[in-house]
Amino acid sequence: MMQVKRVRNWGMEHQVPKDPLERLTKADVDSDYEIADDLGVQADYLHRVGFMY
């Protein structure tokens, strides 16, 4: 089970790196959906990554 969590975290960190995520959240965007679209991921995935960070 612990290995699954590490793999999931690794995938999230490489799919949505923290620096671009922080840059986009500080930018003037209207919604999480716009950020998710800019990063090329779905909004629910973006929310999971946000909770991880």
C-alpha atoms as a PDB file:
ATOM      1  CA  MET A   1       0.000   0.000   0.000  1.00  0.00           C
ATOM      2  CA  MET A   2       2.817   2.419   0.839  1.00  0.00           C
ATOM      3  CA  GLN A   3       4.405   1.793  -2.559  1.00  0.00           C
ATOM      4  CA  VAL A   4       1.146   2.736  -4.308  1.00  0.00           C
ATOM      5  CA  LYS A   5       1.090   6.046  -2.415  1.00  0.00           C
ATOM      6  CA  ARG A   6       4.697   6.810  -3.371  1.00  0.00           C
ATOM      7  CA  VAL A   7       3.999   6.044  -7.027  1.00  0.00           C
ATOM      8  CA  ARG A   8       0.870   8.216  -6.984  1.00  0.00           C
ATOM      9  CA  ASN A   9       2.775  11.109  -5.383  1.00  0.00           C
ATOM     10  CA  TRP A  10       5.616  10.778  -7.877  1.00  0.00           C
ATOM     11  CA  GLY A  11       3.146  10.853 -10.760  1.00  0.00           C
ATOM     12  CA  MET A  12       1.380  13.915  -9.408  1.00  0.00           C
ATOM     13  CA  GLU A  13       4.641  15.793  -8.835  1.00  0.00           C
ATOM     14  CA  HIS A  14       5.772  15.111 -12.391  1.00  0.00           C
ATOM     15  CA  GLN A  15       2.380  15.699 -14.045  1.00  0.00           C
ATOM     16  CA  VAL A  16       1.745  18.953 -12.188  1.00  0.00           C
ATOM     17  CA  PRO A  17       5.011  20.378 -10.816  1.00  0.00           C
ATOM     18  CA  LYS A  18       4.658  22.713  -7.849  1.00  0.00           C
ATOM     19  CA  ASP A  19       6.268  25.796  -9.475  1.00  0.00           C
ATOM     20  CA  PRO A  20       3.891  26.132 -12.446  1.00  0.00           C
ATOM     21  CA  LEU A  21       0.963  25.374 -10.160  1.00  0.00           C
ATOM     22  CA  GLU A  22       1.965  28.178  -7.778  1.00  0.00           C
ATOM     23  CA  ARG A  23       2.539  30.574 -10.672  1.00  0.00           C
ATOM     24  CA  LEU A  24      -0.890  29.864 -12.127  1.00  0.00           C
ATOM     25  CA  THR A  25      -2.670  30.165  -8.780  1.00  0.00           C
ATOM     26  CA  LYS A  26      -1.103  33.604  -8.271  1.00  0.00           C
ATOM     27  CA  ALA A  27      -2.117  34.716 -11.770  1.00  0.00           C
ATOM     28  CA  ASP A  28      -5.453  36.326 -12.451  1.00  0.00           C
ATOM     29  CA  VAL A  29      -7.535  33.249 -13.317  1.00  0.00           C
ATOM     30  CA  ASP A  30     -11.258  32.837 -12.901  1.00  0.00           C
ATOM     31  CA  SER A  31     -11.467  29.196 -11.830  1.00  0.00           C
ATOM     32  CA  ASP A  32      -9.684  25.948 -11.074  1.00  0.00           C
ATOM     33  CA  TYR A  33     -10.965  24.658 -14.397  1.00  0.00           C
ATOM     34  CA  GLU A  34      -8.943  27.302 -16.224  1.00  0.00           C
ATOM     35  CA  ILE A  35      -5.784  26.287 -14.317  1.00  0.00           C
ATOM     36  CA  ALA A  36      -6.454  22.606 -15.018  1.00  0.00           C
ATOM     37  CA  ASP A  37      -6.902  23.383 -18.705  1.00  0.00           C
ATOM     38  CA  ASP A  38      -3.625  25.337 -18.807  1.00  0.00           C
ATOM     39  CA  LEU A  39      -1.816  22.386 -17.190  1.00  0.00           C
ATOM     40  CA  GLY A  40      -3.531  19.814 -19.405  1.00  0.00           C
ATOM     41  CA  VAL A  41      -5.193  17.886 -16.569  1.00  0.00           C
ATOM     42  CA  GLN A  42      -8.737  17.419 -15.291  1.00  0.00           C
ATOM     43  CA  ALA A  43      -9.968  19.622 -12.450  1.00  0.00           C
ATOM     44  CA  ASP A  44     -10.527  16.730 -10.027  1.00  0.00           C
ATOM     45  CA  TYR A  45      -6.934  15.601 -10.603  1.00  0.00           C
ATOM     46  CA  LEU A  46      -5.758  19.167  -9.986  1.00  0.00           C
ATOM     47  CA  HIS A  47      -7.641  19.224  -6.685  1.00  0.00           C
ATOM     48  CA  ARG A  48      -5.995  15.948  -5.576  1.00  0.00           C
ATOM     49  CA  VAL A  49      -2.565  17.346  -6.447  1.00  0.00           C
ATOM     50  CA  GLY A  50      -3.361  20.542  -4.535  1.00  0.00           C
ATOM     51  CA  PHE A  51      -4.229  18.543  -1.434  1.00  0.00           C
ATOM     52  CA  MET A  52      -0.964  16.608  -1.812  1.00  0.00           C
ATOM     53  CA  TYR A  53       1.104  19.794  -1.805  1.00  0.00           C
END
